[in-house]
Amino acid sequence: MQFTGTKDYVATGDLTVAVNAAITLERPLLVKGEPGTGKTELARQVAGALGLPILEWHIKSTTRAQQGLYEYDAVSRLRDSQLGDERVNDVRNYIRQGKLWQAFQADGRVVLLIDEIDKADIEFPNDLLQELDRMEFHVYETGETVAARQRPIVIITSNNEKELPDAFLRRCFFHYIRFPEADTLRRIVEVHHPGIKDALLTEALTRFYEIRETPGLKKKPSTSEVLDWLKLLLAEDLSPEDLRKDGANALPKLHGALLKNEQDVHLFERLAFMARRER
């Protein structure tokens, strides 16, 4: 079972090595990187390439680790008992399976995505240590132990918003998705926008990397944002000449796809003003 990338996802050599190493070691793959570099999509593409179903658990700031195992709805059981409902005699009627339970009890092997784990409380990763390590957990309400029929391929993503505990990191195979170099980014663009004219793509990527490398930029545009930008350039039928930088045009065309806060827009407006003064 080897992942080599797909026609819809350009995977670098070090990324495919990381995915296959995690599969071989049967350890979760922890993927970090800038937002918009394809971490979540990686899990979907791995599942597609290996012909496996995927379960996605998207983490929020309010998510608790227990929700990934199961939730016991005591309120509904109390209400039903007051109404004389016979369902109350079986506690299993009030237990809702979480994503880990579903992955453990699946008929075949699955890919389990735990997306943006760093959004949750700092104790969240620690609360999943034993379950991800042993691939089993105990259901206290029923007294049963839920063990994985087949060990799922676990892919965990993080935007690096907070540090993860050392004990959790020890149990993972780690990979950081670096922002793609120009050649790799060109391949990614050609997957999403096949047939784009080379002159337009060259000029657009030149402008894009100039923007990313501008000193003082608060939020650097990501891979997903350059793909959106190029989609707009194609829709507006802009030419390479329309994108070329001059003193009065420090802001790129359709810059709202690339610059996502007022500080960065003002930065380029100041650069344009300074350039005009120097002329």
Protein backbone atom coordinates (compact mmCIF):
# COMPACT_ATOMS: atom_id res chain seq x y z
CA MET A 1 0.00 0.00 0.00
CA GLN A 2 2.02 2.93 -1.35
CA PHE A 3 1.02 6.54 -1.99
CA THR A 4 2.67 8.23 -4.97
CA GLY A 5 0.40 11.25 -5.45
CA THR A 6 -2.54 11.59 -7.81
CA LYS A 7 -3.36 13.38 -11.04
CA ASP A 8 -5.22 16.00 -8.98
CA TYR A 9 -2.60 16.47 -6.24
CA VAL A 10 1.07 17.24 -6.79
CA ALA A 11 2.94 15.52 -3.96
CA THR A 12 6.65 16.23 -3.55
CA GLY A 13 9.06 13.37 -2.97
CA ASP A 14 9.54 14.09 0.72
CA LEU A 15 5.76 14.21 1.26
CA THR A 16 5.17 10.81 -0.35
CA VAL A 17 8.00 9.39 1.77
CA ALA A 18 6.34 10.76 4.91
CA VAL A 19 2.92 9.32 4.02
CA ASN A 20 4.32 5.88 3.25
CA ALA A 21 6.54 5.90 6.35
CA ALA A 22 3.53 6.63 8.57
CA ILE A 23 1.58 3.81 6.91
CA THR A 24 4.48 1.38 7.39
CA LEU A 25 5.03 2.38 11.03
CA GLU A 26 1.26 2.38 11.68
CA ARG A 27 1.59 5.74 13.38
CA PRO A 28 -0.46 8.91 12.87
CA LEU A 29 0.98 11.29 10.29
CA LEU A 30 1.13 14.80 11.74
CA VAL A 31 1.20 17.34 8.90
CA LYS A 32 1.99 20.98 9.61
CA GLY A 33 2.31 23.94 7.26
CA GLU A 34 0.89 27.32 6.34
CA PRO A 35 -2.89 27.47 5.89
CA GLY A 36 -3.78 26.76 2.27
CA THR A 37 -0.88 24.42 1.47
CA GLY A 38 -3.08 21.35 0.93
CA LYS A 39 -2.88 19.57 4.28
CA THR A 40 -6.56 18.65 4.49
CA GLU A 41 -6.70 17.76 0.81
CA LEU A 42 -3.73 15.42 1.32
CA ALA A 43 -5.85 13.09 3.46
CA ARG A 44 -8.60 12.99 0.82
CA GLN A 45 -6.10 12.28 -1.93
CA VAL A 46 -4.40 9.52 0.08
CA ALA A 47 -7.79 7.90 0.60
CA GLY A 48 -8.63 8.20 -3.09
CA ALA A 49 -5.26 6.90 -4.26
CA LEU A 50 -5.42 3.86 -1.96
CA GLY A 51 -9.10 3.20 -2.66
CA LEU A 52 -10.12 3.65 0.98
CA PRO A 53 -13.09 5.48 2.52
CA ILE A 54 -12.33 8.57 4.58
CA LEU A 55 -13.77 9.82 7.86
CA GLU A 56 -13.21 13.51 8.56
CA TRP A 57 -13.18 14.98 12.06
CA HIS A 58 -12.89 18.76 11.82
CA ILE A 59 -11.74 20.22 15.12
CA LYS A 60 -13.10 23.47 16.58
CA SER A 61 -12.12 25.44 19.67
CA THR A 62 -15.01 23.81 21.56
CA THR A 63 -14.29 20.23 20.46
CA ARG A 64 -13.54 17.71 23.21
CA ALA A 65 -11.55 14.53 22.72
CA GLN A 66 -14.41 12.46 24.14
CA GLN A 67 -16.57 13.49 21.17
CA GLY A 68 -14.23 11.55 18.90
CA LEU A 69 -14.92 8.38 20.90
CA TYR A 70 -18.61 8.65 21.76
CA GLU A 71 -21.20 10.84 23.46
CA TYR A 72 -23.79 9.68 25.97
CA ASP A 73 -27.08 11.59 25.74
CA ALA A 74 -28.27 11.42 29.35
CA VAL A 75 -30.78 14.23 28.85
CA SER A 76 -32.68 12.34 26.14
CA ARG A 77 -32.68 9.20 28.27
CA LEU A 78 -34.13 11.10 31.23
CA ARG A 79 -36.82 12.62 29.03
CA ASP A 80 -37.75 9.25 27.55
CA SER A 81 -37.92 7.67 31.00
CA GLN A 82 -40.42 10.35 32.05
CA LEU A 83 -42.50 9.56 28.96
CA GLY A 84 -42.39 5.81 29.59
CA ASP A 85 -40.41 5.03 26.44
CA GLU A 86 -39.09 1.44 26.44
CA ARG A 87 -35.87 2.58 24.74
CA VAL A 88 -34.53 3.64 28.15
CA ASN A 89 -33.96 -0.02 29.06
CA ASP A 90 -31.00 -0.17 26.67
CA VAL A 91 -28.36 2.48 27.28
CA ARG A 92 -26.93 1.84 23.81
CA ASN A 93 -29.86 3.76 22.35
CA TYR A 94 -28.36 6.92 23.83
CA ILE A 95 -24.75 6.51 22.80
CA ARG A 96 -23.64 8.33 19.67
CA GLN A 97 -20.51 6.97 18.00
CA GLY A 98 -17.69 9.41 17.31
CA LYS A 99 -15.30 9.37 14.37
CA LEU A 100 -12.71 7.18 16.12
CA TRP A 101 -15.36 4.60 17.00
CA GLN A 102 -16.58 4.61 13.41
CA ALA A 103 -13.01 4.18 12.13
CA PHE A 104 -12.26 1.37 14.61
CA GLN A 105 -15.44 -0.55 13.78
CA ALA A 106 -15.36 -0.09 10.01
CA ASP A 107 -15.52 -3.31 7.98
CA GLY A 108 -12.26 -2.45 6.21
CA ARG A 109 -9.35 -0.09 6.57
CA VAL A 110 -10.18 3.63 6.42
CA VAL A 111 -8.36 6.95 6.41
CA LEU A 112 -9.17 9.03 9.49
CA LEU A 113 -8.55 12.78 9.16
CA ILE A 114 -8.25 14.79 12.38
CA ASP A 115 -8.22 18.27 10.92
CA GLU A 116 -6.65 21.35 12.59
CA ILE A 117 -5.94 19.72 15.93
CA ASP A 118 -4.26 22.91 17.17
CA LYS A 119 -7.64 24.69 17.29
CA ALA A 120 -8.70 22.68 20.33
CA ASP A 121 -7.69 23.05 23.96
CA ILE A 122 -4.07 22.18 24.79
CA GLU A 123 -5.20 19.04 26.63
CA PHE A 124 -7.03 17.70 23.57
CA PRO A 125 -4.04 15.82 22.08
CA ASN A 126 -3.11 14.33 25.48
CA ASP A 127 -6.65 13.05 25.90
CA LEU A 128 -6.28 10.95 22.73
CA LEU A 129 -2.82 9.50 23.47
CA GLN A 130 -3.87 6.05 24.63
CA GLU A 131 -6.69 5.64 22.13
CA LEU A 132 -4.46 6.43 19.13
CA ASP A 133 -1.61 4.35 20.54
CA ARG A 134 -3.52 1.22 21.56
CA MET A 135 -6.31 1.63 18.99
CA GLU A 136 -8.97 0.87 21.56
CA PHE A 137 -11.06 2.57 24.24
CA HIS A 138 -13.53 1.70 27.00
CA VAL A 139 -17.24 2.60 27.00
CA TYR A 140 -18.07 3.08 30.65
CA GLU A 141 -21.85 3.16 30.21
CA THR A 142 -21.95 -0.32 28.65
CA GLY A 143 -18.76 -1.84 30.03
CA GLU A 144 -17.50 -2.80 26.56
CA THR A 145 -14.12 -2.18 24.97
CA VAL A 146 -14.08 -0.92 21.39
CA ALA A 147 -10.96 -2.12 19.55
CA ALA A 148 -9.96 -1.39 15.98
CA ARG A 149 -10.74 -4.24 13.59
CA GLN A 150 -8.09 -2.82 11.27
CA ARG A 151 -5.76 -0.01 12.18
CA PRO A 152 -6.88 3.12 10.29
CA ILE A 153 -4.47 5.41 8.49
CA VAL A 154 -4.59 8.50 10.72
CA ILE A 155 -3.66 11.89 9.25
CA ILE A 156 -3.60 14.85 11.64
CA THR A 157 -3.23 18.42 10.41
CA SER A 158 -2.06 21.51 12.28
CA ASN A 159 -1.64 25.15 11.28
CA ASN A 160 0.97 25.54 14.03
CA GLU A 161 -1.21 27.95 16.02
CA LYS A 162 -0.08 26.35 19.27
CA GLU A 163 2.56 23.86 20.38
CA LEU A 164 1.52 20.24 20.72
CA PRO A 165 2.59 18.14 23.76
CA ASP A 166 5.84 16.18 23.49
CA ALA A 167 4.12 12.94 24.49
CA PHE A 168 1.74 13.35 21.56
CA LEU A 169 4.52 14.23 19.12
CA ARG A 170 6.46 11.09 20.07
CA ARG A 171 3.60 8.96 18.82
CA CYS A 172 3.41 10.63 15.39
CA PHE A 173 5.43 10.67 12.21
CA PHE A 174 5.95 14.35 11.45
CA HIS A 175 6.07 16.24 8.16
CA TYR A 176 6.12 19.97 7.48
CA ILE A 177 4.74 21.00 4.07
CA ARG A 178 7.00 23.80 2.92
CA PHE A 179 5.63 26.42 0.62
CA PRO A 180 6.25 25.11 -2.91
CA GLU A 181 9.08 26.43 -5.02
CA ALA A 182 8.26 27.99 -8.37
CA ASP A 183 8.60 24.77 -10.40
CA THR A 184 6.37 22.81 -8.04
CA LEU A 185 3.83 25.62 -7.87
CA ARG A 186 3.75 25.74 -11.67
CA ARG A 187 2.89 22.03 -11.72
CA ILE A 188 0.16 22.59 -9.14
CA VAL A 189 -1.33 25.43 -11.20
CA GLU A 190 -1.31 23.34 -14.37
CA VAL A 191 -3.31 20.63 -12.56
CA HIS A 192 -6.02 23.14 -11.62
CA HIS A 193 -5.82 25.36 -14.70
CA PRO A 194 -4.72 23.12 -17.59
CA GLY A 195 -3.78 24.94 -20.75
CA ILE A 196 -2.99 28.27 -19.07
CA LYS A 197 -0.70 30.32 -21.32
CA ASP A 198 2.91 30.14 -20.27
CA ALA A 199 3.53 33.89 -20.54
CA LEU A 200 0.59 34.70 -18.26
CA LEU A 201 1.57 32.02 -15.75
CA THR A 202 5.19 33.17 -15.67
CA GLU A 203 4.24 36.81 -15.09
CA ALA A 204 1.60 35.90 -12.49
CA LEU A 205 3.97 33.70 -10.50
CA THR A 206 6.67 36.36 -10.67
CA ARG A 207 4.25 38.90 -9.18
CA PHE A 208 2.98 36.37 -6.66
CA TYR A 209 6.44 35.56 -5.27
CA GLU A 210 7.30 39.27 -5.16
CA ILE A 211 4.22 39.80 -3.00
CA ARG A 212 5.07 36.90 -0.68
CA GLU A 213 8.60 38.20 -0.19
CA THR A 214 7.58 41.80 0.51
CA PRO A 215 9.05 42.84 3.90
CA GLY A 216 6.43 43.71 6.49
CA LEU A 217 3.66 41.56 4.99
CA LYS A 218 1.36 40.37 7.79
CA LYS A 219 -0.18 37.39 5.97
CA LYS A 220 1.58 35.80 3.06
CA PRO A 221 -0.77 34.51 0.35
CA SER A 222 -0.97 30.73 0.12
CA THR A 223 -1.22 28.12 -2.61
CA SER A 224 -5.02 28.11 -2.52
CA GLU A 225 -5.06 31.89 -2.84
CA VAL A 226 -2.82 31.98 -5.90
CA LEU A 227 -5.10 29.40 -7.52
CA ASP A 228 -8.12 31.63 -6.83
CA TRP A 229 -6.22 34.63 -8.18
CA LEU A 230 -5.32 32.85 -11.41
CA LYS A 231 -8.92 31.75 -11.85
CA LEU A 232 -9.96 35.42 -11.70
CA LEU A 233 -7.18 36.47 -14.10
CA LEU A 234 -8.41 33.91 -16.61
CA ALA A 235 -12.04 34.92 -16.13
CA GLU A 236 -11.14 38.58 -16.74
CA ASP A 237 -8.95 37.59 -19.72
CA LEU A 238 -6.04 39.67 -18.42
CA SER A 239 -2.73 39.69 -20.27
CA PRO A 240 0.82 39.45 -18.88
CA GLU A 241 1.17 43.20 -19.51
CA ASP A 242 -1.78 43.86 -17.18
CA LEU A 243 0.14 42.23 -14.34
CA ARG A 244 3.47 43.96 -14.78
CA LYS A 245 4.55 46.10 -11.86
CA ASP A 246 5.19 49.81 -12.20
CA GLY A 247 5.41 52.70 -9.77
CA ALA A 248 1.70 53.44 -9.88
CA ASN A 249 0.68 49.80 -9.77
CA ALA A 250 2.24 48.27 -6.65
CA LEU A 251 -1.11 46.68 -5.84
CA PRO A 252 -1.65 43.63 -8.05
CA LYS A 253 -4.74 43.31 -10.18
CA LEU A 254 -7.65 41.72 -8.27
CA HIS A 255 -5.53 41.88 -5.13
CA GLY A 256 -8.45 40.90 -2.89
CA ALA A 257 -7.73 37.26 -3.75
CA LEU A 258 -4.18 37.58 -2.38
CA LEU A 259 -4.19 40.25 0.34
CA LYS A 260 -6.60 39.43 3.13
CA ASN A 261 -6.26 42.30 5.59
CA GLU A 262 -6.17 46.09 5.47
CA GLN A 263 -2.61 46.33 6.85
CA ASP A 264 -1.19 44.51 3.83
CA VAL A 265 -3.28 46.57 1.39
CA HIS A 266 -2.03 49.78 3.03
CA LEU A 267 1.53 48.46 2.83
CA PHE A 268 1.31 48.15 -0.96
CA GLU A 269 -0.42 51.52 -1.22
CA ARG A 270 2.49 53.11 0.66
CA LEU A 271 4.98 51.34 -1.59
CA ALA A 272 3.17 52.73 -4.65
CA PHE A 273 3.16 56.23 -3.15
CA MET A 274 6.89 56.07 -2.39
CA ALA A 275 7.65 54.79 -5.87
CA ARG A 276 5.72 57.70 -7.45
CA ARG A 277 7.63 60.22 -5.32
CA GLU A 278 10.96 58.81 -6.47
CA ARG A 279 10.10 59.15 -10.15
